[in-house]
Amino acid sequence: MQTTPSDFDRVEGVLAAADEPLTAREILAALEADDDETSFESPHQLATVLGRRAKTGGVTVIAQQPYRYTIDDD
């Protein structure tokens, strides 16, 4: 799946506003609650994008069940 910078900006906004790490399902629910239009079709798809982003920095994956995600502090 190809995401645009604005797609990921919205994910970063959800993570930045969160008081604690979130699951992909929680992030997707927040995106859908904010705006019915999201390019992410499933929590799995979102988790894949977050995992890829974690490899290059910007996102931390907390490997527990279920995986949780936070935004890296710059």
PDB file of N, CA and C in Angstrom:
ATOM      1  N   MET A   1       0.834  -1.172   0.000  1.00  0.00           N
ATOM      2  CA  MET A   1       0.000   0.000   0.000  1.00  0.00           C
ATOM      3  C   MET A   1       0.881   1.239   0.000  1.00  0.00           C
ATOM      4  N   GLN A   2       0.538   2.160  -0.839  1.00  0.00           N
ATOM      5  CA  GLN A   2       1.260   3.420  -0.909  1.00  0.00           C
ATOM      6  C   GLN A   2       0.513   4.462  -0.076  1.00  0.00           C
ATOM      7  N   THR A   3       1.193   5.048   0.880  1.00  0.00           N
ATOM      8  CA  THR A   3       0.557   6.106   1.666  1.00  0.00           C
ATOM      9  C   THR A   3       1.163   7.444   1.271  1.00  0.00           C
ATOM     10  N   THR A   4       0.358   8.459   1.378  1.00  0.00           N
ATOM     11  CA  THR A   4       0.841   9.800   1.089  1.00  0.00           C
ATOM     12  C   THR A   4       1.339  10.429   2.379  1.00  0.00           C
ATOM     13  N   PRO A   5       2.130  11.477   2.288  1.00  0.00           N
ATOM     14  CA  PRO A   5       2.567  12.151   3.517  1.00  0.00           C
ATOM     15  C   PRO A   5       1.393  12.603   4.383  1.00  0.00           C
ATOM     16  N   SER A   6       0.308  13.045   3.766  1.00  0.00           N
ATOM     17  CA  SER A   6      -0.831  13.492   4.573  1.00  0.00           C
ATOM     18  C   SER A   6      -1.504  12.338   5.303  1.00  0.00           C
ATOM     19  N   ASP A   7      -1.497  11.130   4.710  1.00  0.00           N
ATOM     20  CA  ASP A   7      -2.032   9.955   5.397  1.00  0.00           C
ATOM     21  C   ASP A   7      -1.261   9.724   6.694  1.00  0.00           C
ATOM     22  N   PHE A   8       0.052   9.752   6.571  1.00  0.00           N
ATOM     23  CA  PHE A   8       0.850   9.466   7.759  1.00  0.00           C
ATOM     24  C   PHE A   8       0.829  10.631   8.744  1.00  0.00           C
ATOM     25  N   ASP A   9       0.680  11.846   8.254  1.00  0.00           N
ATOM     26  CA  ASP A   9       0.541  13.001   9.153  1.00  0.00           C
ATOM     27  C   ASP A   9      -0.657  12.812  10.074  1.00  0.00           C
ATOM     28  N   ARG A  10      -1.741  12.294   9.547  1.00  0.00           N
ATOM     29  CA  ARG A  10      -2.936  12.059  10.356  1.00  0.00           C
ATOM     30  C   ARG A  10      -2.674  10.989  11.420  1.00  0.00           C
ATOM     31  N   VAL A  11      -1.948   9.932  11.050  1.00  0.00           N
ATOM     32  CA  VAL A  11      -1.596   8.885  12.012  1.00  0.00           C
ATOM     33  C   VAL A  11      -0.704   9.472  13.103  1.00  0.00           C
ATOM     34  N   GLU A  12       0.284  10.262  12.702  1.00  0.00           N
ATOM     35  CA  GLU A  12       1.156  10.916  13.680  1.00  0.00           C
ATOM     36  C   GLU A  12       0.360  11.808  14.619  1.00  0.00           C
ATOM     37  N   GLY A  13      -0.634  12.505  14.093  1.00  0.00           N
ATOM     38  CA  GLY A  13      -1.476  13.355  14.928  1.00  0.00           C
ATOM     39  C   GLY A  13      -2.233  12.560  15.974  1.00  0.00           C
ATOM     40  N   VAL A  14      -2.770  11.416  15.584  1.00  0.00           N
ATOM     41  CA  VAL A  14      -3.481  10.550  16.536  1.00  0.00           C
ATOM     42  C   VAL A  14      -2.522  10.060  17.614  1.00  0.00           C
ATOM     43  N   LEU A  15      -1.341   9.612  17.204  1.00  0.00           N
ATOM     44  CA  LEU A  15      -0.367   9.106  18.177  1.00  0.00           C
ATOM     45  C   LEU A  15       0.141  10.219  19.095  1.00  0.00           C
ATOM     46  N   ALA A  16       0.373  11.397  18.547  1.00  0.00           N
ATOM     47  CA  ALA A  16       0.867  12.520  19.350  1.00  0.00           C
ATOM     48  C   ALA A  16      -0.163  12.960  20.386  1.00  0.00           C
ATOM     49  N   ALA A  17      -1.436  12.853  20.052  1.00  0.00           N
ATOM     50  CA  ALA A  17      -2.499  13.284  20.961  1.00  0.00           C
ATOM     51  C   ALA A  17      -2.811  12.237  22.035  1.00  0.00           C
ATOM     52  N   ALA A  18      -2.327  11.030  21.845  1.00  0.00           N
ATOM     53  CA  ALA A  18      -2.637   9.945  22.778  1.00  0.00           C
ATOM     54  C   ALA A  18      -1.813  10.056  24.054  1.00  0.00           C
ATOM     55  N   ASP A  19      -2.428   9.686  25.158  1.00  0.00           N
ATOM     56  CA  ASP A  19      -1.739   9.689  26.452  1.00  0.00           C
ATOM     57  C   ASP A  19      -0.922   8.428  26.678  1.00  0.00           C
ATOM     58  N   GLU A  20      -1.177   7.407  25.850  1.00  0.00           N
ATOM     59  CA  GLU A  20      -0.490   6.129  26.003  1.00  0.00           C
ATOM     60  C   GLU A  20      -0.333   5.494  24.627  1.00  0.00           C
ATOM     61  N   PRO A  21       0.514   4.480  24.504  1.00  0.00           N
ATOM     62  CA  PRO A  21       0.645   3.797  23.212  1.00  0.00           C
ATOM     63  C   PRO A  21      -0.702   3.217  22.768  1.00  0.00           C
ATOM     64  N   LEU A  22      -0.914   3.197  21.458  1.00  0.00           N
ATOM     65  CA  LEU A  22      -2.172   2.714  20.902  1.00  0.00           C
ATOM     66  C   LEU A  22      -1.953   1.508  19.996  1.00  0.00           C
ATOM     67  N   THR A  23      -2.972   0.661  19.889  1.00  0.00           N
ATOM     68  CA  THR A  23      -2.946  -0.441  18.927  1.00  0.00           C
ATOM     69  C   THR A  23      -3.340   0.097  17.560  1.00  0.00           C
ATOM     70  N   ALA A  24      -3.056  -0.679  16.533  1.00  0.00           N
ATOM     71  CA  ALA A  24      -3.449  -0.280  15.181  1.00  0.00           C
ATOM     72  C   ALA A  24      -4.970  -0.141  15.097  1.00  0.00           C
ATOM     73  N   ARG A  25      -5.704  -1.002  15.766  1.00  0.00           N
ATOM     74  CA  ARG A  25      -7.174  -0.925  15.767  1.00  0.00           C
ATOM     75  C   ARG A  25      -7.650   0.389  16.400  1.00  0.00           C
ATOM     76  N   GLU A  26      -7.009   0.792  17.487  1.00  0.00           N
ATOM     77  CA  GLU A  26      -7.372   2.051  18.151  1.00  0.00           C
ATOM     78  C   GLU A  26      -7.038   3.258  17.284  1.00  0.00           C
ATOM     79  N   ILE A  27      -5.906   3.204  16.603  1.00  0.00           N
ATOM     80  CA  ILE A  27      -5.512   4.302  15.715  1.00  0.00           C
ATOM     81  C   ILE A  27      -6.501   4.413  14.559  1.00  0.00           C
ATOM     82  N   LEU A  28      -6.840   3.280  13.954  1.00  0.00           N
ATOM     83  CA  LEU A  28      -7.782   3.287  12.848  1.00  0.00           C
ATOM     84  C   LEU A  28      -9.150   3.806  13.288  1.00  0.00           C
ATOM     85  N   ALA A  29      -9.603   3.398  14.458  1.00  0.00           N
ATOM     86  CA  ALA A  29     -10.891   3.877  14.979  1.00  0.00           C
ATOM     87  C   ALA A  29     -10.869   5.394  15.166  1.00  0.00           C
ATOM     88  N   ALA A  30      -9.751   5.919  15.659  1.00  0.00           N
ATOM     89  CA  ALA A  30      -9.631   7.370  15.850  1.00  0.00           C
ATOM     90  C   ALA A  30      -9.633   8.098  14.507  1.00  0.00           C
ATOM     91  N   LEU A  31      -8.960   7.543  13.515  1.00  0.00           N
ATOM     92  CA  LEU A  31      -8.956   8.154  12.185  1.00  0.00           C
ATOM     93  C   LEU A  31     -10.356   8.159  11.591  1.00  0.00           C
ATOM     94  N   GLU A  32     -11.063   7.054  11.735  1.00  0.00           N
ATOM     95  CA  GLU A  32     -12.409   6.954  11.177  1.00  0.00           C
ATOM     96  C   GLU A  32     -13.394   7.847  11.928  1.00  0.00           C
ATOM     97  N   ALA A  33     -13.201   8.003  13.231  1.00  0.00           N
ATOM     98  CA  ALA A  33     -14.085   8.870  14.017  1.00  0.00           C
ATOM     99  C   ALA A  33     -13.884  10.333  13.637  1.00  0.00           C
ATOM    100  N   ASP A  34     -12.642  10.671  13.320  1.00  0.00           N
ATOM    101  CA  ASP A  34     -12.313  12.052  12.965  1.00  0.00           C
ATOM    102  C   ASP A  34     -12.801  12.393  11.561  1.00  0.00           C
ATOM    103  N   ASP A  35     -12.700  11.424  10.662  1.00  0.00           N
ATOM    104  CA  ASP A  35     -13.033  11.659   9.255  1.00  0.00           C
ATOM    105  C   ASP A  35     -13.323  10.300   8.627  1.00  0.00           C
ATOM    106  N   ASP A  36     -14.467  10.157   8.005  1.00  0.00           N
ATOM    107  CA  ASP A  36     -14.831   8.874   7.400  1.00  0.00           C
ATOM    108  C   ASP A  36     -13.897   8.459   6.270  1.00  0.00           C
ATOM    109  N   GLU A  37     -13.156   9.397   5.727  1.00  0.00           N
ATOM    110  CA  GLU A  37     -12.257   9.121   4.609  1.00  0.00           C
ATOM    111  C   GLU A  37     -10.854   8.808   5.123  1.00  0.00           C
ATOM    112  N   THR A  38     -10.475   7.545   5.049  1.00  0.00           N
ATOM    113  CA  THR A  38      -9.111   7.155   5.386  1.00  0.00           C
ATOM    114  C   THR A  38      -8.631   6.167   4.339  1.00  0.00           C
ATOM    115  N   SER A  39      -7.381   6.225   3.993  1.00  0.00           N
ATOM    116  CA  SER A  39      -6.848   5.310   2.981  1.00  0.00           C
ATOM    117  C   SER A  39      -6.548   3.937   3.573  1.00  0.00           C
ATOM    118  N   PHE A  40      -6.560   3.823   4.879  1.00  0.00           N
ATOM    119  CA  PHE A  40      -6.294   2.547   5.531  1.00  0.00           C
ATOM    120  C   PHE A  40      -7.576   1.729   5.591  1.00  0.00           C
ATOM    121  N   GLU A  41      -7.499   0.504   5.113  1.00  0.00           N
ATOM    122  CA  GLU A  41      -8.684  -0.345   5.040  1.00  0.00           C
ATOM    123  C   GLU A  41      -8.822  -1.298   6.216  1.00  0.00           C
ATOM    124  N   SER A  42      -7.736  -1.514   6.946  1.00  0.00           N
ATOM    125  CA  SER A  42      -7.791  -2.465   8.058  1.00  0.00           C
ATOM    126  C   SER A  42      -6.685  -2.155   9.060  1.00  0.00           C
ATOM    127  N   PRO A  43      -6.834  -2.635  10.303  1.00  0.00           N
ATOM    128  CA  PRO A  43      -5.758  -2.480  11.285  1.00  0.00           C
ATOM    129  C   PRO A  43      -4.463  -3.151  10.823  1.00  0.00           C
ATOM    130  N   HIS A  44      -4.589  -4.277  10.144  1.00  0.00           N
ATOM    131  CA  HIS A  44      -3.397  -4.983   9.659  1.00  0.00           C
ATOM    132  C   HIS A  44      -2.623  -4.124   8.670  1.00  0.00           C
ATOM    133  N   GLN A  45      -3.326  -3.478   7.758  1.00  0.00           N
ATOM    134  CA  GLN A  45      -2.684  -2.607   6.782  1.00  0.00           C
ATOM    135  C   GLN A  45      -1.980  -1.437   7.475  1.00  0.00           C
ATOM    136  N   LEU A  46      -2.645  -0.850   8.447  1.00  0.00           N
ATOM    137  CA  LEU A  46      -2.050   0.245   9.204  1.00  0.00           C
ATOM    138  C   LEU A  46      -0.824  -0.233   9.983  1.00  0.00           C
ATOM    139  N   ALA A  47      -0.915  -1.406  10.595  1.00  0.00           N
ATOM    140  CA  ALA A  47       0.219  -1.963  11.346  1.00  0.00           C
ATOM    141  C   ALA A  47       1.416  -2.203  10.434  1.00  0.00           C
ATOM    142  N   THR A  48       1.163  -2.627   9.205  1.00  0.00           N
ATOM    143  CA  THR A  48       2.248  -2.836   8.242  1.00  0.00           C
ATOM    144  C   THR A  48       2.964  -1.522   7.944  1.00  0.00           C
ATOM    145  N   VAL A  49       2.195  -0.467   7.718  1.00  0.00           N
ATOM    146  CA  VAL A  49       2.780   0.851   7.443  1.00  0.00           C
ATOM    147  C   VAL A  49       3.566   1.351   8.658  1.00  0.00           C
ATOM    148  N   LEU A  50       2.998   1.171   9.850  1.00  0.00           N
ATOM    149  CA  LEU A  50       3.690   1.606  11.071  1.00  0.00           C
ATOM    150  C   LEU A  50       4.983   0.823  11.287  1.00  0.00           C
ATOM    151  N   GLY A  51       4.957  -0.469  11.016  1.00  0.00           N
ATOM    152  CA  GLY A  51       6.165  -1.285  11.148  1.00  0.00           C
ATOM    153  C   GLY A  51       7.255  -0.847  10.196  1.00  0.00           C
ATOM    154  N   ARG A  52       6.876  -0.532   8.977  1.00  0.00           N
ATOM    155  CA  ARG A  52       7.862  -0.043   7.998  1.00  0.00           C
ATOM    156  C   ARG A  52       8.434   1.300   8.423  1.00  0.00           C
ATOM    157  N   ARG A  53       7.569   2.164   8.930  1.00  0.00           N
ATOM    158  CA  ARG A  53       8.023   3.485   9.379  1.00  0.00           C
ATOM    159  C   ARG A  53       8.953   3.351  10.586  1.00  0.00           C
ATOM    160  N   ALA A  54       8.700   2.371  11.437  1.00  0.00           N
ATOM    161  CA  ALA A  54       9.542   2.163  12.618  1.00  0.00           C
ATOM    162  C   ALA A  54      10.979   1.816  12.224  1.00  0.00           C
ATOM    163  N   LYS A  55      11.157   1.163  11.093  1.00  0.00           N
ATOM    164  CA  LYS A  55      12.499   0.791  10.634  1.00  0.00           C
ATOM    165  C   LYS A  55      13.342   2.010  10.288  1.00  0.00           C
ATOM    166  N   THR A  56      12.690   3.089   9.864  1.00  0.00           N
ATOM    167  CA  THR A  56      13.428   4.291   9.473  1.00  0.00           C
ATOM    168  C   THR A  56      13.362   5.387  10.527  1.00  0.00           C
ATOM    169  N   GLY A  57      12.625   5.135  11.604  1.00  0.00           N
ATOM    170  CA  GLY A  57      12.500   6.108  12.673  1.00  0.00           C
ATOM    171  C   GLY A  57      11.202   6.880  12.586  1.00  0.00           C
ATOM    172  N   GLY A  58      10.815   7.414  13.704  1.00  0.00           N
ATOM    173  CA  GLY A  58       9.586   8.184  13.762  1.00  0.00           C
ATOM    174  C   GLY A  58       8.489   7.498  14.550  1.00  0.00           C
ATOM    175  N   VAL A  59       8.540   6.179  14.577  1.00  0.00           N
ATOM    176  CA  VAL A  59       7.544   5.384  15.295  1.00  0.00           C
ATOM    177  C   VAL A  59       8.261   4.323  16.101  1.00  0.00           C
ATOM    178  N   THR A  60       7.767   4.069  17.308  1.00  0.00           N
ATOM    179  CA  THR A  60       8.277   2.970  18.130  1.00  0.00           C
ATOM    180  C   THR A  60       7.203   1.908  18.218  1.00  0.00           C
ATOM    181  N   VAL A  61       7.599   0.659  17.979  1.00  0.00           N
ATOM    182  CA  VAL A  61       6.694  -0.476  18.107  1.00  0.00           C
ATOM    183  C   VAL A  61       6.959  -1.137  19.452  1.00  0.00           C
ATOM    184  N   ILE A  62       5.928  -1.291  20.247  1.00  0.00           N
ATOM    185  CA  ILE A  62       6.028  -1.988  21.526  1.00  0.00           C
ATOM    186  C   ILE A  62       5.497  -3.391  21.279  1.00  0.00           C
ATOM    187  N   ALA A  63       6.417  -4.349  21.260  1.00  0.00           N
ATOM    188  CA  ALA A  63       6.081  -5.715  20.857  1.00  0.00           C
ATOM    189  C   ALA A  63       5.499  -6.506  22.021  1.00  0.00           C
ATOM    190  N   GLN A  64       4.222  -6.313  22.232  1.00  0.00           N
ATOM    191  CA  GLN A  64       3.469  -7.122  23.178  1.00  0.00           C
ATOM    192  C   GLN A  64       2.170  -7.481  22.477  1.00  0.00           C
ATOM    193  N   GLN A  65       1.345  -8.243  23.082  1.00  0.00           N
ATOM    194  CA  GLN A  65       0.078  -8.612  22.448  1.00  0.00           C
ATOM    195  C   GLN A  65      -1.052  -7.754  22.966  1.00  0.00           C
ATOM    196  N   PRO A  66      -1.715  -6.976  22.154  1.00  0.00           N
ATOM    197  CA  PRO A  66      -1.368  -6.659  20.772  1.00  0.00           C
ATOM    198  C   PRO A  66      -0.254  -5.620  20.710  1.00  0.00           C
ATOM    199  N   TYR A  67       0.378  -5.553  19.540  1.00  0.00           N
ATOM    200  CA  TYR A  67       1.413  -4.536  19.344  1.00  0.00           C
ATOM    201  C   TYR A  67       0.811  -3.160  19.589  1.00  0.00           C
ATOM    202  N   ARG A  68       1.630  -2.273  20.152  1.00  0.00           N
ATOM    203  CA  ARG A  68       1.217  -0.888  20.389  1.00  0.00           C
ATOM    204  C   ARG A  68       2.262   0.027  19.767  1.00  0.00           C
ATOM    205  N   TYR A  69       1.827   1.224  19.466  1.00  0.00           N
ATOM    206  CA  TYR A  69       2.677   2.161  18.727  1.00  0.00           C
ATOM    207  C   TYR A  69       2.701   3.517  19.409  1.00  0.00           C
ATOM    208  N   THR A  70       3.866   4.149  19.372  1.00  0.00           N
ATOM    209  CA  THR A  70       4.025   5.515  19.857  1.00  0.00           C
ATOM    210  C   THR A  70       4.831   6.289  18.820  1.00  0.00           C
ATOM    211  N   ILE A  71       4.721   7.584  18.908  1.00  0.00           N
ATOM    212  CA  ILE A  71       5.498   8.467  18.041  1.00  0.00           C
ATOM    213  C   ILE A  71       6.819   8.752  18.752  1.00  0.00           C
ATOM    214  N   ASP A  72       7.922   8.735  18.011  1.00  0.00           N
ATOM    215  CA  ASP A  72       9.221   9.029  18.616  1.00  0.00           C
ATOM    216  C   ASP A  72       9.321  10.507  18.936  1.00  0.00           C
ATOM    217  N   ASP A  73       9.919  10.811  20.072  1.00  0.00           N
ATOM    218  CA  ASP A  73      10.208  12.208  20.405  1.00  0.00           C
ATOM    219  C   ASP A  73      11.444  12.634  19.645  1.00  0.00           C
ATOM    220  N   ASP A  74      11.364  13.783  19.035  1.00  0.00           N
ATOM    221  CA  ASP A  74      12.516  14.279  18.253  1.00  0.00           C
ATOM    222  C   ASP A  74      13.551  14.899  19.102  1.00  0.00           C
TER     223      ASP A  74
END
